């Protein structure tokens, strides 16, 4: 009897915590989840907004990587080129990510890979999608906002767990047309929570990573093997006067990992840094691939490979935080699921709020 009363008291405690934490934090979590759903297809939406830059007519032959780079540098000589993006559909233009001393933010420079025509530049600083992305990631508040969003991930985890602990024992799956709106909301609140509980828990846990990266990485190293972050290799005796051609860099990377397909090339930015070629293969958990091939900036010789299949468990866990959080691990299936899951939170919040208000009114009437 004592144990039953104790169990009932504990359940009542979790009910109150679930209710008041959900009511007080639910609106902020709703904002984060809705903006997260809206940016699931961020790359595609960005390209849809600039069809004159991002879309090209497919022809039989393409220009070389080095020729594309040289044409971009000639058109934009004052830009600092950071990487080259070649993944996407065959009718999507290649692009180079860059920065400019006189402009803020990221700039994407587009080129037609079939004709060699430089199509133009797209400055992301004043566009609505990056603003929406920043709203989701850090509430437009920098590092402070990043911590708040991560903390909201932990709060959401607690709400999900407490909701599971106070789950009704019966009548949850019995649906009657003649039931009152309150009863329908009550049952649908728990049913939606059960249905989307696991996806929401994944989003909440991985969302917390971005505000507490060192803590997560330390945890991954303790529960698995290897380093969570493997730094890019560095080399000595680099000549700034002679840089290997992109064609030779890509060809060497392709020989090192023949089953892969080049998606991005990152250019050396600091003293001693090397080319990093990102490659996709059949296991495409990451949208741009999880295989990194490092090439010497002068000789185009292979420096190191860091393939997904060879990565230590701690690094795989760290890198999985991105593709799990943004839903790129199962192609469009996971992205659509994540998009829908983000809108489950506002449903849970507003049905919970409705039930609480109804309960308050009933108490006042009594």
Protein backbone atom coordinates (compact mmCIF):
# COMPACT_ATOMS: atom_id res chain seq x y z
CA UNK A 1 0.00 0.00 0.00
CA UNK A 2 2.83 2.35 0.90
CA UNK A 3 4.59 1.58 -2.39
CA UNK A 4 1.40 2.27 -4.35
CA UNK A 5 0.98 5.66 -2.63
CA UNK A 6 4.64 6.47 -3.24
CA UNK A 7 4.28 5.52 -6.90
CA UNK A 8 1.19 7.70 -7.18
CA UNK A 9 2.99 10.63 -5.54
CA UNK A 10 5.96 10.29 -7.86
CA UNK A 11 3.66 10.14 -10.86
CA UNK A 12 1.88 13.27 -9.63
CA UNK A 13 5.24 15.02 -9.25
CA UNK A 14 6.23 14.15 -12.82
CA UNK A 15 2.82 15.26 -14.03
CA UNK A 16 3.30 18.71 -12.47
CA UNK A 17 6.85 18.98 -13.79
CA UNK A 18 5.73 17.89 -17.25
CA UNK A 19 2.89 20.42 -17.18
CA UNK A 20 4.66 23.49 -15.85
CA UNK A 21 7.96 22.95 -17.66
CA UNK A 22 6.04 22.30 -20.88
CA UNK A 23 3.83 25.38 -20.45
CA UNK A 24 6.71 27.70 -19.53
CA UNK A 25 9.22 26.51 -22.15
CA UNK A 26 6.89 25.14 -24.82
CA UNK A 27 6.49 28.32 -26.83
CA UNK A 28 10.25 28.78 -27.20
CA UNK A 29 10.73 25.10 -28.09
CA UNK A 30 7.89 25.46 -30.60
CA UNK A 31 9.71 28.35 -32.30
CA UNK A 32 12.92 26.32 -32.51
CA UNK A 33 11.14 23.26 -33.90
CA UNK A 34 9.11 25.14 -36.52
CA UNK A 35 12.17 27.00 -37.81
CA UNK A 36 14.00 23.67 -37.84
CA UNK A 37 11.31 22.16 -40.06
CA UNK A 38 11.46 25.13 -42.41
CA UNK A 39 15.20 24.70 -43.01
CA UNK A 40 15.18 20.94 -43.63
CA UNK A 41 15.36 21.69 -47.36
CA UNK A 42 17.56 24.76 -46.95
CA UNK A 43 20.05 23.99 -49.80
CA UNK A 44 17.25 23.29 -52.28
CA UNK A 45 15.24 26.35 -51.27
CA UNK A 46 18.32 28.56 -51.58
CA UNK A 47 18.89 27.35 -55.14
CA UNK A 48 15.21 27.74 -56.03
CA UNK A 49 15.49 31.42 -55.12
CA UNK A 50 18.27 31.97 -57.69
CA UNK A 51 17.41 29.83 -60.74
CA UNK A 52 19.35 32.17 -63.03
CA UNK A 53 22.51 31.28 -61.11
CA UNK A 54 21.93 27.74 -59.89
CA UNK A 55 20.34 26.09 -62.93
CA UNK A 56 22.11 25.23 -66.20
CA UNK A 57 21.33 23.37 -69.39
CA UNK A 58 22.88 19.90 -69.42
CA UNK A 59 25.38 19.40 -72.26
CA UNK A 60 27.57 16.48 -73.24
CA UNK A 61 30.94 17.75 -72.02
CA UNK A 62 32.09 19.70 -68.95
CA UNK A 63 35.07 21.97 -68.44
CA UNK A 64 37.83 20.94 -66.05
CA UNK A 65 37.93 21.78 -62.34
CA UNK A 66 41.01 23.95 -62.75
CA UNK A 67 39.53 25.86 -65.66
CA UNK A 68 36.40 26.55 -63.61
CA UNK A 69 38.56 27.83 -60.74
CA UNK A 70 40.62 30.08 -63.03
CA UNK A 71 37.53 31.60 -64.63
CA UNK A 72 36.05 32.35 -61.21
CA UNK A 73 39.31 33.90 -59.98
CA UNK A 74 39.52 36.05 -63.09
CA UNK A 75 35.93 37.28 -62.60
CA UNK A 76 36.33 37.80 -58.83
CA UNK A 77 40.06 38.43 -58.19
CA UNK A 78 39.59 39.98 -54.73
CA UNK A 79 37.60 37.08 -53.31
CA UNK A 80 39.06 34.49 -50.95
CA UNK A 81 37.95 31.12 -52.32
CA UNK A 82 37.25 28.60 -49.56
CA UNK A 83 35.78 25.59 -51.32
CA UNK A 84 34.31 24.26 -54.54
CA UNK A 85 30.87 22.61 -54.59
CA UNK A 86 30.16 20.08 -57.36
CA UNK A 87 27.49 17.81 -55.83
CA UNK A 88 23.87 18.03 -56.89
CA UNK A 89 21.82 17.27 -59.99
CA UNK A 90 23.42 17.45 -63.42
CA UNK A 91 21.43 20.63 -64.17
CA UNK A 92 22.77 22.43 -61.10
CA UNK A 93 25.71 24.77 -61.58
CA UNK A 94 29.03 24.34 -59.83
CA UNK A 95 29.79 26.96 -57.24
CA UNK A 96 32.64 28.34 -55.15
CA UNK A 97 32.18 29.56 -51.61
CA UNK A 98 34.09 32.76 -50.90
CA UNK A 99 34.42 35.84 -48.74
CA UNK A 100 35.29 39.43 -49.63
CA UNK A 101 37.02 42.04 -47.42
CA UNK A 102 34.40 44.67 -48.22
CA UNK A 103 31.35 42.44 -47.74
CA UNK A 104 29.95 40.54 -44.79
CA UNK A 105 29.04 36.89 -44.74
CA UNK A 106 29.22 34.03 -47.16
CA UNK A 107 29.23 34.59 -50.92
CA UNK A 108 28.57 31.82 -53.43
CA UNK A 109 30.04 32.24 -56.91
CA UNK A 110 28.35 30.23 -59.68
CA UNK A 111 29.75 28.90 -62.95
CA UNK A 112 28.22 26.86 -65.77
CA UNK A 113 30.31 23.68 -65.80
CA UNK A 114 29.37 22.92 -69.40
CA UNK A 115 30.05 26.27 -71.09
CA UNK A 116 32.47 27.84 -68.62
CA UNK A 117 30.29 30.95 -68.27
CA UNK A 118 30.59 32.71 -64.93
CA UNK A 119 26.95 33.15 -63.92
CA UNK A 120 27.29 35.55 -60.99
CA UNK A 121 27.52 35.90 -57.22
CA UNK A 122 24.98 35.33 -54.48
CA UNK A 123 25.55 37.12 -51.16
CA UNK A 124 23.86 35.28 -48.30
CA UNK A 125 24.18 38.10 -45.78
CA UNK A 126 20.81 39.73 -46.42
CA UNK A 127 18.75 36.72 -47.51
CA UNK A 128 15.85 35.34 -45.48
CA UNK A 129 16.99 31.70 -45.38
CA UNK A 130 20.27 32.35 -43.49
CA UNK A 131 18.33 34.57 -41.09
CA UNK A 132 15.83 31.75 -40.52
CA UNK A 133 18.74 29.35 -40.04
CA UNK A 134 20.35 31.63 -37.43
CA UNK A 135 16.99 31.98 -35.68
CA UNK A 136 16.83 28.22 -35.35
CA UNK A 137 20.45 27.71 -34.34
CA UNK A 138 21.06 30.63 -31.96
CA UNK A 139 17.88 32.76 -31.79
CA UNK A 140 19.83 35.53 -33.58
CA UNK A 141 21.83 35.95 -30.37
CA UNK A 142 25.24 34.42 -31.09
CA UNK A 143 26.86 32.09 -28.56
CA UNK A 144 24.35 32.97 -25.84
CA UNK A 145 21.47 31.98 -28.07
CA UNK A 146 23.32 28.81 -29.07
CA UNK A 147 23.48 27.75 -25.42
CA UNK A 148 19.81 28.56 -24.89
CA UNK A 149 18.77 26.46 -27.89
CA UNK A 150 20.93 23.56 -26.67
CA UNK A 151 19.41 23.87 -23.19
CA UNK A 152 15.95 23.74 -24.78
CA UNK A 153 16.98 20.41 -26.30
CA UNK A 154 17.60 19.03 -22.80
CA UNK A 155 14.30 20.47 -21.61
CA UNK A 156 12.50 18.77 -24.49
CA UNK A 157 14.14 15.47 -23.55
CA UNK A 158 12.85 15.86 -20.00
CA UNK A 159 9.34 16.70 -21.24
CA UNK A 160 9.33 13.59 -23.44
CA UNK A 161 10.57 11.30 -20.66
CA UNK A 162 8.18 12.72 -18.06
CA UNK A 163 5.31 12.42 -20.55
CA UNK A 164 6.14 8.74 -20.99
CA UNK A 165 6.20 8.22 -17.21
CA UNK A 166 2.73 9.70 -16.73
CA UNK A 167 1.22 7.89 -19.70
CA UNK A 168 -2.34 6.68 -18.93
CA UNK A 169 -2.60 2.93 -18.38
CA UNK A 170 -5.80 2.41 -20.33
CA UNK A 171 -8.33 3.91 -22.73
CA UNK A 172 -5.59 5.72 -24.64
CA UNK A 173 -6.31 3.99 -27.95
CA UNK A 174 -10.09 3.95 -27.62
CA UNK A 175 -11.46 6.64 -29.90
CA UNK A 176 -15.12 7.62 -29.78
CA UNK A 177 -16.75 10.11 -32.09
CA UNK A 178 -19.08 11.29 -29.37
CA UNK A 179 -16.19 12.06 -27.01
CA UNK A 180 -15.78 15.68 -25.96
CA UNK A 181 -13.15 17.93 -27.52
CA UNK A 182 -11.23 17.81 -24.25
CA UNK A 183 -11.06 14.01 -24.32
CA UNK A 184 -10.04 14.00 -27.99
CA UNK A 185 -7.27 16.51 -27.33
CA UNK A 186 -6.13 14.54 -24.28
CA UNK A 187 -5.81 11.29 -26.22
CA UNK A 188 -4.33 12.86 -29.34
CA UNK A 189 -1.77 14.71 -27.18
CA UNK A 190 -0.44 11.42 -25.84
CA UNK A 191 -0.76 9.57 -29.14
CA UNK A 192 1.23 12.21 -31.05
CA UNK A 193 3.78 12.21 -28.24
CA UNK A 194 4.17 8.44 -28.54
CA UNK A 195 4.24 8.49 -32.34
CA UNK A 196 6.92 11.19 -32.61
CA UNK A 197 8.67 10.52 -29.30
CA UNK A 198 11.77 8.84 -30.75
CA UNK A 199 12.34 11.35 -33.60
CA UNK A 200 11.84 14.24 -31.17
CA UNK A 201 14.27 12.66 -28.69
CA UNK A 202 16.89 12.34 -31.46
CA UNK A 203 16.38 15.97 -32.47
CA UNK A 204 16.55 17.13 -28.85
CA UNK A 205 19.73 15.18 -28.04
CA UNK A 206 21.56 16.14 -31.22
CA UNK A 207 20.40 19.76 -30.87
CA UNK A 208 22.09 19.91 -27.48
CA UNK A 209 25.40 18.98 -29.11
CA UNK A 210 25.84 22.33 -30.86
CA UNK A 211 25.86 24.27 -27.59
CA UNK A 212 28.00 21.79 -25.66
CA UNK A 213 30.39 20.28 -28.20
CA UNK A 214 33.35 19.64 -25.84
CA UNK A 215 31.11 17.89 -23.31
CA UNK A 216 29.51 15.67 -25.95
CA UNK A 217 32.86 14.84 -27.52
CA UNK A 218 34.33 13.89 -24.14
CA UNK A 219 31.31 11.65 -23.56
CA UNK A 220 31.71 9.96 -26.95
CA UNK A 221 35.39 9.28 -26.26
CA UNK A 222 34.55 7.75 -22.88
CA UNK A 223 31.86 5.40 -24.16
CA UNK A 224 33.64 4.40 -27.39
CA UNK A 225 37.07 4.17 -28.96
CA UNK A 226 39.24 6.79 -30.64
CA UNK A 227 39.19 10.55 -30.84
CA UNK A 228 35.97 12.47 -31.37
CA UNK A 229 37.68 15.05 -33.56
CA UNK A 230 40.48 14.07 -35.93
CA UNK A 231 42.34 17.15 -37.12
CA UNK A 232 43.25 17.61 -40.77
CA UNK A 233 46.90 16.74 -41.49
CA UNK A 234 49.48 19.46 -42.04
CA UNK A 235 52.57 19.48 -44.24
CA UNK A 236 55.87 21.37 -44.33
CA UNK A 237 57.74 23.11 -47.14
CA UNK A 238 54.76 24.51 -48.99
CA UNK A 239 55.45 26.81 -51.91
CA UNK A 240 52.90 29.58 -52.23
CA UNK A 241 54.10 30.25 -55.74
CA UNK A 242 52.99 26.91 -57.09
CA UNK A 243 49.64 25.32 -56.24
CA UNK A 244 48.63 21.98 -57.71
CA UNK A 245 45.85 22.10 -60.26
CA UNK A 246 42.38 21.10 -59.11
CA UNK A 247 42.22 18.46 -61.82
CA UNK A 248 45.29 16.69 -60.43
CA UNK A 249 43.97 17.06 -56.86
CA UNK A 250 40.60 15.51 -57.74
CA UNK A 251 42.18 12.78 -59.87
CA UNK A 252 44.50 11.77 -57.02
CA UNK A 253 41.60 11.69 -54.56
CA UNK A 254 39.57 9.56 -56.97
CA UNK A 255 42.43 7.06 -57.27
CA UNK A 256 42.69 6.89 -53.49
CA UNK A 257 38.95 6.19 -53.13
CA UNK A 258 37.70 4.90 -56.53
CA UNK A 259 34.25 3.93 -55.24
CA UNK A 260 33.60 7.50 -54.13
CA UNK A 261 32.25 10.52 -55.99
CA UNK A 262 33.68 13.99 -55.42
CA UNK A 263 31.20 16.38 -53.80
CA UNK A 264 33.35 19.25 -52.47
CA UNK A 265 36.96 20.45 -52.51
CA UNK A 266 38.21 22.56 -49.61
CA UNK A 267 41.14 24.84 -50.40
CA UNK A 268 44.19 25.32 -48.14
CA UNK A 269 43.55 28.39 -45.98
CA UNK A 270 46.38 28.42 -43.44
CA UNK A 271 50.10 27.77 -43.39
CA UNK A 272 50.68 24.03 -43.67
CA UNK A 273 47.10 23.14 -44.57
CA UNK A 274 46.22 20.84 -47.47
CA UNK A 275 43.43 20.24 -49.95
CA UNK A 276 40.54 18.31 -48.43
CA UNK A 277 38.39 16.45 -50.94
CA UNK A 278 34.97 15.37 -49.68
CA UNK A 279 33.60 12.23 -51.35
CA UNK A 280 30.29 10.39 -51.32
CA UNK A 281 29.79 6.67 -51.65
CA UNK A 282 26.89 4.23 -51.25
CA UNK A 283 26.78 4.89 -47.50
CA UNK A 284 25.71 8.53 -47.73
CA UNK A 285 24.72 9.42 -44.18
CA UNK A 286 26.08 12.91 -44.74
CA UNK A 287 24.60 14.89 -47.61
CA UNK A 288 28.06 15.63 -49.00
CA UNK A 289 29.63 12.33 -47.97
CA UNK A 290 31.63 11.27 -44.94
CA UNK A 291 34.92 10.47 -46.64
CA UNK A 292 37.84 12.90 -46.48
CA UNK A 293 40.83 12.64 -48.79
CA UNK A 294 43.77 14.96 -48.04
CA UNK A 295 46.01 16.04 -50.93
CA UNK A 296 49.31 17.96 -50.86
CA UNK A 297 48.80 21.54 -52.13
CA UNK A 298 51.96 21.57 -54.26
CA UNK A 299 52.59 18.01 -55.44
CA UNK A 300 48.99 16.71 -55.53
CA UNK A 301 50.26 13.61 -53.71
CA UNK A 302 48.08 11.74 -51.26
CA UNK A 303 48.71 12.88 -47.69
CA UNK A 304 46.06 10.92 -45.80
CA UNK A 305 42.64 9.33 -46.13
CA UNK A 306 39.94 9.45 -43.48
CA UNK A 307 37.17 7.24 -44.82
CA UNK A 308 33.87 6.76 -43.01
CA UNK A 309 34.40 3.01 -42.74
CA UNK A 310 37.78 3.59 -41.03
CA UNK A 311 36.77 6.37 -38.65
CA UNK A 312 36.87 5.53 -34.92
CA UNK A 313 33.52 5.19 -33.19
CA UNK A 314 33.90 8.47 -31.29
CA UNK A 315 34.41 10.41 -34.52
CA UNK A 316 31.45 8.66 -36.16
CA UNK A 317 29.26 9.59 -33.19
CA UNK A 318 30.44 13.20 -33.39
CA UNK A 319 29.83 13.49 -37.14
CA UNK A 320 26.46 11.77 -36.82
CA UNK A 321 25.21 14.71 -34.75
CA UNK A 322 24.89 16.72 -37.96
CA UNK A 323 23.15 14.27 -40.28
CA UNK A 324 20.90 13.00 -37.49
CA UNK A 325 19.84 16.50 -36.49
CA UNK A 326 19.20 17.76 -40.02
CA UNK A 327 17.70 14.51 -41.26
CA UNK A 328 20.07 13.74 -44.14
CA UNK A 329 20.79 10.14 -43.06
CA UNK A 330 18.03 8.50 -45.16
CA UNK A 331 17.65 10.85 -48.08
CA UNK A 332 14.26 12.45 -48.64
CA UNK A 333 12.51 9.91 -46.40
CA UNK A 334 14.26 11.11 -43.26
CA UNK A 335 14.03 14.77 -44.29
CA UNK A 336 10.26 14.55 -44.80
CA UNK A 337 9.90 12.74 -41.46
CA UNK A 338 11.98 15.45 -39.74
CA UNK A 339 9.93 18.19 -41.40
CA UNK A 340 6.69 16.67 -40.07
CA UNK A 341 8.22 15.95 -36.66
CA UNK A 342 9.06 19.62 -36.16
CA UNK A 343 5.38 20.48 -36.42
CA UNK A 344 4.43 17.84 -33.83
CA UNK A 345 5.78 20.10 -31.09
CA UNK A 346 3.34 23.02 -31.66
CA UNK A 347 0.50 20.48 -31.68
CA UNK A 348 1.66 19.04 -28.37
CA UNK A 349 2.17 22.48 -26.88
CA UNK A 350 -1.19 23.95 -27.84
CA UNK A 351 -3.19 20.83 -26.96
CA UNK A 352 -1.41 20.72 -23.60
CA UNK A 353 -2.10 24.42 -23.09
CA UNK A 354 -5.78 23.90 -23.96
CA UNK A 355 -6.11 21.04 -21.46
CA UNK A 356 -4.45 23.12 -18.72
CA UNK A 357 -6.73 26.10 -19.34
CA UNK A 358 -9.79 23.83 -19.27
CA UNK A 359 -8.62 22.41 -15.95
CA UNK A 360 -8.09 25.88 -14.47
CA UNK A 361 -11.60 26.97 -15.54
CA UNK A 362 -13.13 23.86 -14.02
CA UNK A 363 -11.38 24.56 -10.70
CA UNK A 364 -12.64 28.13 -10.66
CA UNK A 365 -16.18 27.02 -11.38
CA UNK A 366 -16.03 24.60 -8.47
